[in-house]
Amino acid sequence: MSTDTYDQKWHTELEATLTHEFEAHTARLTQLTADTGDPAEAHTNAALIVATRQNLERISGALRRLAAGTYGNCEKCGTAIPRERLEILPHARFCVPCQQKHNG
């Protein structure tokens, strides 16, 4: 299998996985935001809602980058993000050095 075919297969599988995760998080957000009338439950769900929305934002960003052909390139310096990093953190926007500067 050529590298291009391998990369295309990986991207196709990644897109399917990210799409599935997006759908799961969307369903979760719908559940969390359903008003049950219980103030204690609403308070407890607030942090979960924020985390779920952040995950949706990260996943949709990765899907946009895949569609645009920019997935896997650091948004700060433009270098390729190592595949190992993307396999662990598929929504990574920065290479490790730029991420460390961004967080610092």
N, C-alpha and C. Protein backbone atom coordinates (compact mmCIF):
# COMPACT_ATOMS: atom_id res chain seq x y z
N MET A 1 0.85 -1.18 0.00
CA MET A 1 0.00 0.00 0.00
C MET A 1 0.90 1.24 0.00
N SER A 2 0.63 2.17 -0.88
CA SER A 2 1.45 3.37 -0.96
C SER A 2 1.17 4.28 0.24
N THR A 3 2.11 5.19 0.49
CA THR A 3 1.95 6.12 1.61
C THR A 3 0.71 6.97 1.41
N ASP A 4 0.46 7.43 0.17
CA ASP A 4 -0.72 8.25 -0.10
C ASP A 4 -2.01 7.50 0.20
N THR A 5 -2.07 6.22 -0.21
CA THR A 5 -3.24 5.39 0.04
C THR A 5 -3.41 5.17 1.54
N TYR A 6 -2.29 4.91 2.22
CA TYR A 6 -2.32 4.71 3.66
C TYR A 6 -2.82 5.97 4.36
N ASP A 7 -2.27 7.13 3.98
CA ASP A 7 -2.69 8.39 4.59
C ASP A 7 -4.16 8.68 4.30
N GLN A 8 -4.62 8.40 3.09
CA GLN A 8 -6.01 8.64 2.74
C GLN A 8 -6.92 7.73 3.56
N LYS A 9 -6.51 6.47 3.71
CA LYS A 9 -7.30 5.54 4.52
C LYS A 9 -7.37 6.02 5.96
N TRP A 10 -6.24 6.47 6.49
CA TRP A 10 -6.18 6.97 7.86
C TRP A 10 -7.09 8.19 8.01
N HIS A 11 -7.01 9.11 7.06
CA HIS A 11 -7.86 10.31 7.12
C HIS A 11 -9.34 9.95 7.04
N THR A 12 -9.68 8.99 6.20
CA THR A 12 -11.08 8.56 6.06
C THR A 12 -11.57 7.94 7.37
N GLU A 13 -10.74 7.09 7.97
CA GLU A 13 -11.11 6.48 9.25
C GLU A 13 -11.19 7.53 10.35
N LEU A 14 -10.26 8.48 10.35
CA LEU A 14 -10.25 9.54 11.34
C LEU A 14 -11.51 10.40 11.21
N GLU A 15 -11.87 10.74 9.99
CA GLU A 15 -13.07 11.54 9.76
C GLU A 15 -14.31 10.81 10.26
N ALA A 16 -14.39 9.52 10.01
CA ALA A 16 -15.54 8.73 10.48
C ALA A 16 -15.57 8.70 12.01
N THR A 17 -14.42 8.52 12.63
CA THR A 17 -14.35 8.49 14.09
C THR A 17 -14.76 9.84 14.68
N LEU A 18 -14.21 10.92 14.12
CA LEU A 18 -14.55 12.26 14.61
C LEU A 18 -16.03 12.57 14.41
N THR A 19 -16.58 12.16 13.29
CA THR A 19 -18.00 12.39 13.02
C THR A 19 -18.85 11.64 14.04
N HIS A 20 -18.48 10.40 14.32
CA HIS A 20 -19.21 9.60 15.32
C HIS A 20 -19.12 10.26 16.70
N GLU A 21 -17.92 10.72 17.08
CA GLU A 21 -17.75 11.40 18.36
C GLU A 21 -18.57 12.68 18.42
N PHE A 22 -18.60 13.42 17.32
CA PHE A 22 -19.39 14.65 17.27
C PHE A 22 -20.86 14.34 17.51
N GLU A 23 -21.36 13.32 16.85
CA GLU A 23 -22.76 12.93 17.02
C GLU A 23 -23.05 12.50 18.45
N ALA A 24 -22.12 11.75 19.06
CA ALA A 24 -22.31 11.29 20.44
C ALA A 24 -22.31 12.47 21.41
N HIS A 25 -21.40 13.42 21.20
CA HIS A 25 -21.35 14.59 22.08
C HIS A 25 -22.59 15.48 21.88
N THR A 26 -23.08 15.57 20.66
CA THR A 26 -24.29 16.34 20.40
C THR A 26 -25.48 15.73 21.13
N ALA A 27 -25.59 14.42 21.08
CA ALA A 27 -26.68 13.73 21.80
C ALA A 27 -26.53 13.95 23.31
N ARG A 28 -25.30 13.88 23.79
CA ARG A 28 -25.04 14.10 25.22
C ARG A 28 -25.42 15.52 25.63
N LEU A 29 -25.07 16.48 24.81
CA LEU A 29 -25.41 17.87 25.10
C LEU A 29 -26.93 18.05 25.15
N THR A 30 -27.63 17.41 24.25
CA THR A 30 -29.10 17.48 24.24
C THR A 30 -29.65 16.93 25.55
N GLN A 31 -29.10 15.82 26.01
CA GLN A 31 -29.53 15.24 27.28
C GLN A 31 -29.24 16.16 28.45
N LEU A 32 -28.04 16.74 28.46
CA LEU A 32 -27.62 17.59 29.58
C LEU A 32 -28.42 18.88 29.66
N THR A 33 -28.84 19.39 28.52
CA THR A 33 -29.55 20.67 28.52
C THR A 33 -31.06 20.52 28.65
N ALA A 34 -31.55 19.30 28.69
CA ALA A 34 -32.99 19.08 28.88
C ALA A 34 -33.36 19.59 30.27
N ASP A 35 -34.36 20.43 30.34
CA ASP A 35 -34.77 21.01 31.61
C ASP A 35 -35.66 20.04 32.36
N THR A 36 -35.12 19.51 33.45
CA THR A 36 -35.88 18.56 34.26
C THR A 36 -36.63 19.27 35.38
N GLY A 37 -36.35 20.55 35.57
CA GLY A 37 -37.00 21.29 36.64
C GLY A 37 -36.29 21.13 37.98
N ASP A 38 -35.23 20.34 38.02
CA ASP A 38 -34.49 20.11 39.26
C ASP A 38 -33.28 21.04 39.29
N PRO A 39 -33.29 22.07 40.16
CA PRO A 39 -32.18 23.03 40.22
C PRO A 39 -30.84 22.37 40.57
N ALA A 40 -30.86 21.36 41.42
CA ALA A 40 -29.62 20.67 41.79
C ALA A 40 -29.02 19.96 40.59
N GLU A 41 -29.86 19.34 39.77
CA GLU A 41 -29.38 18.64 38.58
C GLU A 41 -28.84 19.65 37.56
N ALA A 42 -29.52 20.78 37.42
CA ALA A 42 -29.06 21.80 36.48
C ALA A 42 -27.69 22.32 36.89
N HIS A 43 -27.48 22.51 38.17
CA HIS A 43 -26.18 22.99 38.67
C HIS A 43 -25.09 21.95 38.42
N THR A 44 -25.40 20.70 38.69
CA THR A 44 -24.44 19.61 38.47
C THR A 44 -24.09 19.48 37.00
N ASN A 45 -25.07 19.65 36.13
CA ASN A 45 -24.85 19.49 34.70
C ASN A 45 -24.08 20.65 34.07
N ALA A 46 -24.00 21.78 34.73
CA ALA A 46 -23.37 22.97 34.14
C ALA A 46 -21.94 22.69 33.68
N ALA A 47 -21.14 22.07 34.54
CA ALA A 47 -19.74 21.78 34.17
C ALA A 47 -19.68 20.76 33.03
N LEU A 48 -20.57 19.78 33.06
CA LEU A 48 -20.61 18.79 31.99
C LEU A 48 -21.00 19.42 30.66
N ILE A 49 -21.91 20.39 30.70
CA ILE A 49 -22.33 21.09 29.49
C ILE A 49 -21.15 21.86 28.90
N VAL A 50 -20.41 22.57 29.74
CA VAL A 50 -19.25 23.33 29.27
C VAL A 50 -18.22 22.39 28.64
N ALA A 51 -17.91 21.28 29.31
CA ALA A 51 -16.93 20.33 28.79
C ALA A 51 -17.40 19.71 27.47
N THR A 52 -18.67 19.40 27.38
CA THR A 52 -19.22 18.80 26.15
C THR A 52 -19.15 19.80 25.00
N ARG A 53 -19.49 21.04 25.27
CA ARG A 53 -19.40 22.08 24.22
C ARG A 53 -17.96 22.28 23.76
N GLN A 54 -17.00 22.24 24.69
CA GLN A 54 -15.59 22.36 24.32
C GLN A 54 -15.16 21.19 23.43
N ASN A 55 -15.61 19.98 23.79
CA ASN A 55 -15.29 18.82 22.95
C ASN A 55 -15.89 18.95 21.57
N LEU A 56 -17.12 19.42 21.48
CA LEU A 56 -17.75 19.63 20.17
C LEU A 56 -16.98 20.65 19.34
N GLU A 57 -16.52 21.70 19.98
CA GLU A 57 -15.75 22.73 19.28
C GLU A 57 -14.43 22.16 18.75
N ARG A 58 -13.74 21.37 19.57
CA ARG A 58 -12.47 20.76 19.15
C ARG A 58 -12.69 19.80 17.98
N ILE A 59 -13.72 18.96 18.10
CA ILE A 59 -13.99 17.97 17.06
C ILE A 59 -14.40 18.66 15.76
N SER A 60 -15.27 19.66 15.85
CA SER A 60 -15.70 20.34 14.62
C SER A 60 -14.53 21.07 13.98
N GLY A 61 -13.61 21.59 14.79
CA GLY A 61 -12.42 22.23 14.24
C GLY A 61 -11.56 21.24 13.48
N ALA A 62 -11.38 20.05 14.06
CA ALA A 62 -10.59 19.01 13.38
C ALA A 62 -11.27 18.59 12.07
N LEU A 63 -12.59 18.45 12.09
CA LEU A 63 -13.31 18.09 10.86
C LEU A 63 -13.19 19.19 9.81
N ARG A 64 -13.23 20.44 10.22
CA ARG A 64 -13.05 21.56 9.26
C ARG A 64 -11.66 21.52 8.65
N ARG A 65 -10.65 21.26 9.49
CA ARG A 65 -9.27 21.20 8.97
C ARG A 65 -9.09 20.02 8.02
N LEU A 66 -9.74 18.89 8.32
CA LEU A 66 -9.69 17.75 7.39
C LEU A 66 -10.30 18.13 6.06
N ALA A 67 -11.45 18.77 6.09
CA ALA A 67 -12.13 19.15 4.85
C ALA A 67 -11.33 20.18 4.06
N ALA A 68 -10.63 21.07 4.77
CA ALA A 68 -9.87 22.12 4.10
C ALA A 68 -8.49 21.66 3.64
N GLY A 69 -8.08 20.45 4.08
CA GLY A 69 -6.77 19.95 3.70
C GLY A 69 -5.64 20.50 4.56
N THR A 70 -5.97 21.13 5.68
CA THR A 70 -4.94 21.69 6.56
C THR A 70 -4.73 20.86 7.82
N TYR A 71 -5.46 19.76 7.95
CA TYR A 71 -5.35 18.92 9.13
C TYR A 71 -3.93 18.38 9.24
N GLY A 72 -3.39 18.43 10.45
CA GLY A 72 -2.07 17.89 10.70
C GLY A 72 -0.95 18.90 10.58
N ASN A 73 -1.29 20.14 10.26
CA ASN A 73 -0.30 21.20 10.21
C ASN A 73 -0.50 22.13 11.40
N CYS A 74 0.59 22.51 12.04
CA CYS A 74 0.53 23.41 13.19
C CYS A 74 -0.05 24.75 12.74
N GLU A 75 -1.03 25.24 13.47
CA GLU A 75 -1.66 26.51 13.12
C GLU A 75 -0.75 27.71 13.41
N LYS A 76 0.29 27.49 14.20
CA LYS A 76 1.18 28.60 14.55
C LYS A 76 2.40 28.68 13.63
N CYS A 77 3.12 27.55 13.48
CA CYS A 77 4.36 27.58 12.70
C CYS A 77 4.24 26.89 11.34
N GLY A 78 3.16 26.15 11.13
CA GLY A 78 2.92 25.51 9.84
C GLY A 78 3.59 24.17 9.63
N THR A 79 4.41 23.72 10.58
CA THR A 79 5.07 22.44 10.41
C THR A 79 4.08 21.29 10.61
N ALA A 80 4.44 20.14 10.10
CA ALA A 80 3.58 18.96 10.25
C ALA A 80 3.59 18.50 11.71
N ILE A 81 2.41 18.24 12.23
CA ILE A 81 2.28 17.68 13.58
C ILE A 81 2.53 16.19 13.44
N PRO A 82 3.41 15.62 14.27
CA PRO A 82 3.70 14.18 14.15
C PRO A 82 2.42 13.34 14.27
N ARG A 83 2.35 12.35 13.44
CA ARG A 83 1.17 11.48 13.41
C ARG A 83 0.89 10.85 14.77
N GLU A 84 1.95 10.51 15.49
CA GLU A 84 1.78 9.92 16.82
C GLU A 84 0.98 10.85 17.72
N ARG A 85 1.26 12.15 17.63
CA ARG A 85 0.53 13.14 18.43
C ARG A 85 -0.93 13.18 18.00
N LEU A 86 -1.17 13.16 16.69
CA LEU A 86 -2.53 13.22 16.18
C LEU A 86 -3.32 11.96 16.52
N GLU A 87 -2.65 10.83 16.59
CA GLU A 87 -3.35 9.60 16.96
C GLU A 87 -3.81 9.65 18.42
N ILE A 88 -3.02 10.30 19.27
CA ILE A 88 -3.37 10.42 20.68
C ILE A 88 -4.34 11.58 20.90
N LEU A 89 -4.12 12.67 20.17
CA LEU A 89 -4.91 13.90 20.33
C LEU A 89 -5.38 14.37 18.96
N PRO A 90 -6.41 13.71 18.40
CA PRO A 90 -6.79 13.98 17.01
C PRO A 90 -7.24 15.41 16.72
N HIS A 91 -7.56 16.16 17.75
CA HIS A 91 -7.98 17.55 17.52
C HIS A 91 -6.83 18.55 17.72
N ALA A 92 -5.58 18.04 17.84
CA ALA A 92 -4.42 18.91 18.07
C ALA A 92 -4.32 19.96 16.97
N ARG A 93 -4.13 21.20 17.40
CA ARG A 93 -4.00 22.31 16.46
C ARG A 93 -2.56 22.79 16.33
N PHE A 94 -1.73 22.41 17.31
CA PHE A 94 -0.36 22.90 17.36
C PHE A 94 0.62 21.74 17.54
N CYS A 95 1.85 21.92 17.06
CA CYS A 95 2.92 20.98 17.36
C CYS A 95 3.26 21.15 18.84
N VAL A 96 4.02 20.23 19.41
CA VAL A 96 4.31 20.28 20.84
C VAL A 96 5.03 21.59 21.25
N PRO A 97 6.10 22.01 20.53
CA PRO A 97 6.76 23.25 20.95
C PRO A 97 5.81 24.47 20.94
N CYS A 98 4.99 24.58 19.92
CA CYS A 98 4.06 25.72 19.84
C CYS A 98 2.97 25.59 20.90
N GLN A 99 2.52 24.36 21.19
CA GLN A 99 1.51 24.16 22.24
C GLN A 99 2.08 24.59 23.58
N GLN A 100 3.33 24.25 23.84
CA GLN A 100 3.96 24.63 25.11
C GLN A 100 4.06 26.16 25.21
N LYS A 101 4.41 26.84 24.13
CA LYS A 101 4.46 28.30 24.13
C LYS A 101 3.06 28.88 24.31
N HIS A 102 2.08 28.26 23.68
CA HIS A 102 0.68 28.73 23.75
C HIS A 102 0.15 28.63 25.18
N ASN A 103 0.51 27.56 25.89
CA ASN A 103 0.05 27.35 27.26
C ASN A 103 0.87 28.12 28.27
N GLY A 104 2.08 28.50 27.89
CA GLY A 104 3.00 29.14 28.82
C GLY A 104 2.71 30.53 29.08
